[in-house]
N, C-alpha and C. Protein backbone atom coordinates (compact mmCIF):
# COMPACT_ATOMS: atom_id res chain seq x y z
N UNK A 1 -47.20 37.32 -14.78
CA UNK A 1 -45.81 37.06 -15.06
C UNK A 1 -45.45 37.75 -16.38
N UNK A 2 -44.51 38.63 -16.32
CA UNK A 2 -44.12 39.33 -17.54
C UNK A 2 -43.04 38.56 -18.28
N UNK A 3 -42.71 39.02 -19.45
CA UNK A 3 -41.76 38.38 -20.36
C UNK A 3 -40.37 38.28 -19.74
N UNK A 4 -39.96 39.33 -19.05
CA UNK A 4 -38.62 39.37 -18.46
C UNK A 4 -38.46 38.23 -17.45
N UNK A 5 -39.43 38.02 -16.59
CA UNK A 5 -39.37 36.96 -15.58
C UNK A 5 -39.38 35.58 -16.24
N UNK A 6 -40.15 35.44 -17.30
CA UNK A 6 -40.22 34.18 -18.02
C UNK A 6 -38.87 33.82 -18.64
N UNK A 7 -38.21 34.80 -19.26
CA UNK A 7 -36.90 34.57 -19.87
C UNK A 7 -35.88 34.21 -18.81
N UNK A 8 -35.88 34.93 -17.69
CA UNK A 8 -34.95 34.66 -16.60
C UNK A 8 -35.20 33.26 -16.04
N UNK A 9 -36.43 32.89 -15.86
CA UNK A 9 -36.79 31.58 -15.35
C UNK A 9 -36.33 30.46 -16.29
N UNK A 10 -36.54 30.64 -17.58
CA UNK A 10 -36.09 29.65 -18.57
C UNK A 10 -34.57 29.56 -18.58
N UNK A 11 -33.91 30.71 -18.52
CA UNK A 11 -32.45 30.75 -18.51
C UNK A 11 -31.90 30.02 -17.28
N UNK A 12 -32.48 30.27 -16.10
CA UNK A 12 -32.04 29.60 -14.88
C UNK A 12 -32.24 28.09 -14.98
N UNK A 13 -33.34 27.65 -15.54
CA UNK A 13 -33.62 26.23 -15.70
C UNK A 13 -32.61 25.58 -16.64
N UNK A 14 -32.30 26.25 -17.75
CA UNK A 14 -31.32 25.72 -18.69
C UNK A 14 -29.95 25.61 -18.02
N UNK A 15 -29.55 26.61 -17.27
CA UNK A 15 -28.26 26.59 -16.57
C UNK A 15 -28.23 25.43 -15.57
N UNK A 16 -29.29 25.23 -14.82
CA UNK A 16 -29.35 24.13 -13.86
C UNK A 16 -29.25 22.77 -14.55
N UNK A 17 -29.90 22.63 -15.70
CA UNK A 17 -29.84 21.37 -16.45
C UNK A 17 -28.42 21.13 -16.97
N UNK A 18 -27.79 22.18 -17.50
CA UNK A 18 -26.41 22.04 -18.01
C UNK A 18 -25.46 21.66 -16.89
N UNK A 19 -25.58 22.31 -15.74
CA UNK A 19 -24.72 21.99 -14.59
C UNK A 19 -24.96 20.56 -14.13
N UNK A 20 -26.22 20.13 -14.06
CA UNK A 20 -26.54 18.77 -13.64
C UNK A 20 -25.96 17.74 -14.62
N UNK A 21 -26.09 17.99 -15.91
CA UNK A 21 -25.54 17.08 -16.92
C UNK A 21 -24.02 17.02 -16.80
N UNK A 22 -23.39 18.17 -16.63
CA UNK A 22 -21.93 18.21 -16.46
C UNK A 22 -21.51 17.41 -15.23
N UNK A 23 -22.18 17.59 -14.11
CA UNK A 23 -21.85 16.84 -12.89
C UNK A 23 -22.05 15.34 -13.07
N UNK A 24 -23.12 14.95 -13.70
CA UNK A 24 -23.37 13.53 -13.94
C UNK A 24 -22.28 12.93 -14.83
N UNK A 25 -21.90 13.65 -15.87
CA UNK A 25 -20.84 13.17 -16.76
C UNK A 25 -19.50 13.08 -16.01
N UNK A 26 -19.20 14.06 -15.20
CA UNK A 26 -17.95 14.08 -14.43
C UNK A 26 -17.92 12.90 -13.45
N UNK A 27 -18.99 12.69 -12.71
CA UNK A 27 -19.05 11.60 -11.74
C UNK A 27 -18.96 10.25 -12.44
N UNK A 28 -19.65 10.10 -13.56
CA UNK A 28 -19.60 8.84 -14.32
C UNK A 28 -18.17 8.56 -14.80
N UNK A 29 -17.53 9.57 -15.37
CA UNK A 29 -16.16 9.41 -15.87
C UNK A 29 -15.21 9.06 -14.73
N UNK A 30 -15.33 9.75 -13.60
CA UNK A 30 -14.48 9.46 -12.44
C UNK A 30 -14.71 8.04 -11.93
N UNK A 31 -15.96 7.60 -11.90
CA UNK A 31 -16.28 6.25 -11.42
C UNK A 31 -15.70 5.19 -12.34
N UNK A 32 -15.78 5.40 -13.65
CA UNK A 32 -15.22 4.44 -14.61
C UNK A 32 -13.71 4.35 -14.44
N UNK A 33 -13.05 5.50 -14.31
CA UNK A 33 -11.60 5.50 -14.13
C UNK A 33 -11.20 4.85 -12.80
N UNK A 34 -11.94 5.13 -11.74
CA UNK A 34 -11.65 4.53 -10.44
C UNK A 34 -11.83 3.02 -10.48
N UNK A 35 -12.89 2.56 -11.14
CA UNK A 35 -13.11 1.12 -11.26
C UNK A 35 -11.98 0.47 -12.05
N UNK A 36 -11.59 1.08 -13.16
CA UNK A 36 -10.52 0.54 -13.98
C UNK A 36 -9.22 0.44 -13.19
N UNK A 37 -8.89 1.50 -12.46
CA UNK A 37 -7.66 1.52 -11.67
C UNK A 37 -7.73 0.46 -10.57
N UNK A 38 -8.87 0.38 -9.89
CA UNK A 38 -9.04 -0.63 -8.84
C UNK A 38 -8.96 -2.04 -9.39
N UNK A 39 -9.52 -2.26 -10.56
CA UNK A 39 -9.45 -3.57 -11.19
C UNK A 39 -8.01 -3.93 -11.52
N UNK A 40 -7.26 -2.96 -12.03
CA UNK A 40 -5.86 -3.20 -12.40
C UNK A 40 -4.98 -3.50 -11.20
N UNK A 41 -5.35 -3.01 -10.01
CA UNK A 41 -4.56 -3.31 -8.81
C UNK A 41 -4.46 -4.82 -8.62
N UNK A 42 -5.55 -5.53 -8.85
CA UNK A 42 -5.57 -6.96 -8.59
C UNK A 42 -5.48 -7.82 -9.84
N UNK A 43 -5.64 -7.26 -11.01
CA UNK A 43 -5.67 -8.07 -12.23
C UNK A 43 -4.82 -7.48 -13.35
N UNK A 44 -3.75 -6.79 -13.02
CA UNK A 44 -2.89 -6.19 -14.05
C UNK A 44 -2.22 -7.29 -14.87
N UNK A 45 -2.31 -7.17 -16.16
CA UNK A 45 -1.70 -8.13 -17.07
C UNK A 45 -0.20 -7.85 -17.18
N UNK A 46 0.60 -8.89 -17.42
CA UNK A 46 2.03 -8.67 -17.67
C UNK A 46 2.22 -7.83 -18.93
N UNK A 47 3.38 -7.26 -19.08
CA UNK A 47 3.67 -6.42 -20.25
C UNK A 47 3.63 -7.21 -21.54
N UNK A 48 4.12 -8.46 -21.52
CA UNK A 48 4.11 -9.29 -22.72
C UNK A 48 3.54 -10.67 -22.38
N UNK A 49 3.03 -11.32 -23.38
CA UNK A 49 2.53 -12.69 -23.24
C UNK A 49 3.55 -13.60 -23.88
N UNK A 50 3.81 -14.73 -23.28
CA UNK A 50 4.80 -15.65 -23.83
C UNK A 50 6.10 -15.54 -23.08
N UNK A 51 7.20 -15.65 -23.82
CA UNK A 51 8.51 -15.65 -23.18
C UNK A 51 8.90 -14.30 -22.60
N UNK A 52 8.74 -13.24 -23.31
CA UNK A 52 9.13 -11.92 -22.84
C UNK A 52 10.63 -11.71 -22.85
N UNK A 53 11.06 -10.59 -22.27
CA UNK A 53 12.48 -10.26 -22.18
C UNK A 53 12.90 -10.28 -20.71
N UNK A 54 14.08 -10.77 -20.44
CA UNK A 54 14.61 -10.76 -19.08
C UNK A 54 15.45 -9.50 -18.92
N UNK A 55 15.14 -8.76 -17.85
CA UNK A 55 15.82 -7.49 -17.59
C UNK A 55 16.32 -7.51 -16.15
N UNK A 56 17.56 -7.10 -15.96
CA UNK A 56 18.13 -7.05 -14.61
C UNK A 56 17.90 -5.67 -14.01
N UNK A 57 17.52 -5.66 -12.74
CA UNK A 57 17.40 -4.39 -12.02
C UNK A 57 18.18 -4.49 -10.72
N UNK A 58 18.63 -3.35 -10.25
CA UNK A 58 19.37 -3.27 -9.00
C UNK A 58 18.55 -2.49 -7.98
N UNK A 59 18.28 -3.10 -6.85
CA UNK A 59 17.54 -2.45 -5.78
C UNK A 59 18.52 -2.14 -4.66
N UNK A 60 18.63 -0.85 -4.34
CA UNK A 60 19.53 -0.41 -3.27
C UNK A 60 18.80 -0.45 -1.93
N UNK A 61 19.55 -0.43 -0.88
CA UNK A 61 19.00 -0.38 0.48
C UNK A 61 18.15 0.87 0.67
N UNK A 62 18.56 1.97 0.06
CA UNK A 62 17.88 3.25 0.25
C UNK A 62 16.68 3.46 -0.68
N UNK A 63 16.45 2.54 -1.62
CA UNK A 63 15.35 2.69 -2.57
C UNK A 63 13.99 2.53 -1.90
N UNK A 64 13.11 3.45 -2.19
CA UNK A 64 11.73 3.33 -1.70
C UNK A 64 10.92 2.54 -2.72
N UNK A 65 9.70 2.19 -2.36
CA UNK A 65 8.82 1.47 -3.29
C UNK A 65 8.58 2.34 -4.53
N UNK A 66 8.49 3.64 -4.33
CA UNK A 66 8.30 4.56 -5.46
C UNK A 66 9.50 4.50 -6.40
N UNK A 67 10.72 4.49 -5.84
CA UNK A 67 11.93 4.40 -6.67
C UNK A 67 11.96 3.09 -7.45
N UNK A 68 11.60 2.00 -6.79
CA UNK A 68 11.59 0.69 -7.44
C UNK A 68 10.55 0.68 -8.56
N UNK A 69 9.37 1.24 -8.28
CA UNK A 69 8.32 1.32 -9.30
C UNK A 69 8.76 2.13 -10.50
N UNK A 70 9.42 3.25 -10.25
CA UNK A 70 9.92 4.08 -11.36
C UNK A 70 10.95 3.31 -12.19
N UNK A 71 11.83 2.57 -11.52
CA UNK A 71 12.84 1.77 -12.23
C UNK A 71 12.17 0.70 -13.08
N UNK A 72 11.18 0.01 -12.50
CA UNK A 72 10.48 -1.03 -13.25
C UNK A 72 9.76 -0.46 -14.46
N UNK A 73 9.18 0.72 -14.30
CA UNK A 73 8.48 1.36 -15.42
C UNK A 73 9.47 1.80 -16.50
N UNK A 74 10.59 2.39 -16.09
CA UNK A 74 11.61 2.82 -17.05
C UNK A 74 12.17 1.65 -17.85
N UNK A 75 12.32 0.50 -17.19
CA UNK A 75 12.87 -0.69 -17.85
C UNK A 75 11.83 -1.43 -18.69
N UNK A 76 10.56 -1.02 -18.60
CA UNK A 76 9.52 -1.65 -19.39
C UNK A 76 8.93 -2.91 -18.77
N UNK A 77 9.08 -3.06 -17.46
CA UNK A 77 8.55 -4.24 -16.78
C UNK A 77 7.11 -4.04 -16.30
N UNK A 78 6.72 -2.79 -16.06
CA UNK A 78 5.36 -2.47 -15.63
C UNK A 78 4.87 -1.25 -16.40
N UNK A 79 3.56 -1.03 -16.39
CA UNK A 79 2.98 0.10 -17.12
C UNK A 79 2.91 1.37 -16.28
N UNK A 80 2.67 1.23 -14.97
CA UNK A 80 2.36 2.39 -14.14
C UNK A 80 3.05 2.24 -12.78
N UNK A 81 3.99 3.12 -12.49
CA UNK A 81 4.72 3.04 -11.23
C UNK A 81 3.83 3.37 -10.03
N UNK A 82 2.84 4.23 -10.22
CA UNK A 82 1.93 4.55 -9.10
C UNK A 82 1.06 3.35 -8.76
N UNK A 83 0.67 2.60 -9.78
CA UNK A 83 -0.11 1.38 -9.55
C UNK A 83 0.75 0.36 -8.81
N UNK A 84 2.04 0.30 -9.11
CA UNK A 84 2.95 -0.62 -8.44
C UNK A 84 2.99 -0.33 -6.94
N UNK A 85 2.99 0.95 -6.57
CA UNK A 85 3.02 1.33 -5.15
C UNK A 85 1.80 0.77 -4.43
N UNK A 86 0.63 0.90 -5.04
CA UNK A 86 -0.60 0.38 -4.44
C UNK A 86 -0.56 -1.14 -4.38
N UNK A 87 -0.09 -1.78 -5.46
CA UNK A 87 -0.01 -3.23 -5.47
C UNK A 87 0.93 -3.75 -4.39
N UNK A 88 2.06 -3.08 -4.20
CA UNK A 88 3.00 -3.49 -3.16
C UNK A 88 2.38 -3.30 -1.79
N UNK A 89 1.69 -2.20 -1.60
CA UNK A 89 1.06 -1.89 -0.32
C UNK A 89 0.02 -2.95 0.06
N UNK A 90 -0.71 -3.46 -0.92
CA UNK A 90 -1.77 -4.43 -0.66
C UNK A 90 -1.31 -5.88 -0.77
N UNK A 91 -0.06 -6.11 -1.16
CA UNK A 91 0.41 -7.48 -1.34
C UNK A 91 0.89 -8.07 -0.02
N UNK A 92 1.09 -9.38 -0.02
CA UNK A 92 1.61 -10.04 1.17
C UNK A 92 3.11 -9.77 1.34
N UNK A 93 3.72 -9.13 0.36
CA UNK A 93 5.15 -8.82 0.41
C UNK A 93 5.43 -7.37 0.80
N UNK A 94 4.43 -6.70 1.37
CA UNK A 94 4.57 -5.29 1.75
C UNK A 94 5.73 -5.12 2.74
N UNK A 95 6.67 -4.26 2.36
CA UNK A 95 7.80 -3.95 3.23
C UNK A 95 8.87 -5.02 3.28
N UNK A 96 8.79 -6.02 2.41
CA UNK A 96 9.74 -7.13 2.46
C UNK A 96 10.72 -7.15 1.29
N UNK A 97 10.76 -6.12 0.48
CA UNK A 97 11.68 -6.09 -0.66
C UNK A 97 13.10 -5.99 -0.14
N UNK A 98 13.94 -6.92 -0.61
CA UNK A 98 15.32 -7.02 -0.16
C UNK A 98 16.23 -6.39 -1.21
N UNK A 99 17.21 -5.60 -0.80
CA UNK A 99 18.16 -5.02 -1.77
C UNK A 99 18.92 -6.12 -2.51
N UNK A 100 19.23 -5.87 -3.77
CA UNK A 100 19.99 -6.84 -4.55
C UNK A 100 19.78 -6.64 -6.04
N UNK A 101 20.31 -7.57 -6.81
CA UNK A 101 20.17 -7.56 -8.26
C UNK A 101 19.19 -8.67 -8.62
N UNK A 102 18.18 -8.31 -9.40
CA UNK A 102 17.13 -9.26 -9.76
C UNK A 102 16.96 -9.33 -11.26
N UNK A 103 16.77 -10.55 -11.76
CA UNK A 103 16.44 -10.77 -13.16
C UNK A 103 14.94 -10.96 -13.25
N UNK A 104 14.26 -9.96 -13.82
CA UNK A 104 12.81 -10.00 -13.95
C UNK A 104 12.45 -10.07 -15.43
N UNK A 105 11.29 -10.63 -15.72
CA UNK A 105 10.88 -10.83 -17.10
C UNK A 105 9.63 -10.02 -17.39
N UNK A 106 9.50 -9.54 -18.62
CA UNK A 106 8.33 -8.75 -18.98
C UNK A 106 7.05 -9.58 -19.01
N UNK A 107 7.17 -10.91 -18.96
CA UNK A 107 5.98 -11.76 -18.94
C UNK A 107 5.52 -12.07 -17.51
N UNK A 108 6.23 -11.50 -16.51
CA UNK A 108 5.86 -11.71 -15.10
C UNK A 108 4.79 -10.71 -14.67
N UNK A 109 3.92 -11.16 -13.78
CA UNK A 109 2.97 -10.23 -13.18
C UNK A 109 3.67 -9.47 -12.07
N UNK A 110 3.06 -8.41 -11.60
CA UNK A 110 3.64 -7.62 -10.51
C UNK A 110 3.80 -8.46 -9.27
N UNK A 111 2.84 -9.34 -9.00
CA UNK A 111 2.90 -10.21 -7.83
C UNK A 111 4.11 -11.13 -7.90
N UNK A 112 4.40 -11.66 -9.09
CA UNK A 112 5.57 -12.53 -9.26
C UNK A 112 6.86 -11.73 -9.05
N UNK A 113 6.91 -10.50 -9.54
CA UNK A 113 8.10 -9.66 -9.35
C UNK A 113 8.30 -9.36 -7.87
N UNK A 114 7.21 -9.04 -7.18
CA UNK A 114 7.31 -8.76 -5.74
C UNK A 114 7.79 -9.99 -4.98
N UNK A 115 7.31 -11.16 -5.37
CA UNK A 115 7.73 -12.40 -4.70
C UNK A 115 9.22 -12.61 -4.87
N UNK A 116 9.73 -12.37 -6.06
CA UNK A 116 11.17 -12.53 -6.31
C UNK A 116 11.96 -11.50 -5.52
N UNK A 117 11.50 -10.25 -5.51
CA UNK A 117 12.26 -9.20 -4.82
C UNK A 117 12.14 -9.31 -3.29
N UNK A 118 11.20 -10.09 -2.80
CA UNK A 118 11.04 -10.26 -1.35
C UNK A 118 11.90 -11.40 -0.81
N UNK A 119 12.57 -12.12 -1.70
CA UNK A 119 13.48 -13.18 -1.26
C UNK A 119 14.90 -12.72 -1.52
N UNK A 120 15.82 -13.25 -0.75
CA UNK A 120 17.21 -12.87 -0.93
C UNK A 120 17.72 -13.37 -2.27
N UNK A 121 18.51 -12.55 -2.96
CA UNK A 121 19.09 -12.99 -4.23
C UNK A 121 20.01 -14.19 -3.99
N UNK A 122 20.16 -15.05 -4.99
CA UNK A 122 20.98 -16.25 -4.85
C UNK A 122 22.42 -15.91 -4.53
N UNK A 123 22.95 -14.85 -5.12
CA UNK A 123 24.34 -14.47 -4.86
C UNK A 123 24.56 -14.14 -3.39
N UNK A 124 23.62 -13.43 -2.78
CA UNK A 124 23.77 -13.06 -1.37
C UNK A 124 23.66 -14.28 -0.48
N UNK A 125 22.81 -15.26 -0.84
CA UNK A 125 22.68 -16.46 -0.04
C UNK A 125 23.96 -17.29 -0.12
N UNK A 126 24.59 -17.36 -1.31
CA UNK A 126 25.84 -18.11 -1.45
C UNK A 126 26.95 -17.47 -0.65
N UNK A 127 27.02 -16.14 -0.61
CA UNK A 127 28.04 -15.45 0.17
C UNK A 127 27.84 -15.69 1.66
N UNK A 128 26.59 -15.73 2.12
CA UNK A 128 26.30 -15.96 3.52
C UNK A 128 26.63 -17.39 3.94
N UNK A 129 26.51 -18.37 3.02
CA UNK A 129 26.80 -19.76 3.33
C UNK A 129 28.29 -20.00 3.44
N UNK A 130 29.13 -19.20 2.80
CA UNK A 130 30.58 -19.40 2.79
C UNK A 130 31.22 -19.03 4.09
């Protein structure tokens, strides 16, 4: 075995080790992020602890879950609109959001907000009773 082959062999081994370390780090980082995101789907904390702020939102008939999530994020009621889409998809209120005006609080969990938005607003119920 001459020097040239030895250098090439060492170089190839170093490259393989670097690639393996990079792949392991990438997979580990992706797994940690996936776990965190999955955990947040079911255990997302409210934006504030305690009383919080009450914010009114308007849900139109044409609004998709993505639109509602974006509105909630813009108003400061949730942290991540994409996470809201997954939470709505996996909740018992999937597809049951009713158009209307809702008073939501920053101390509410996403599940509580979905529960409120899945019931008819009080104003609409009073109009239907008349």
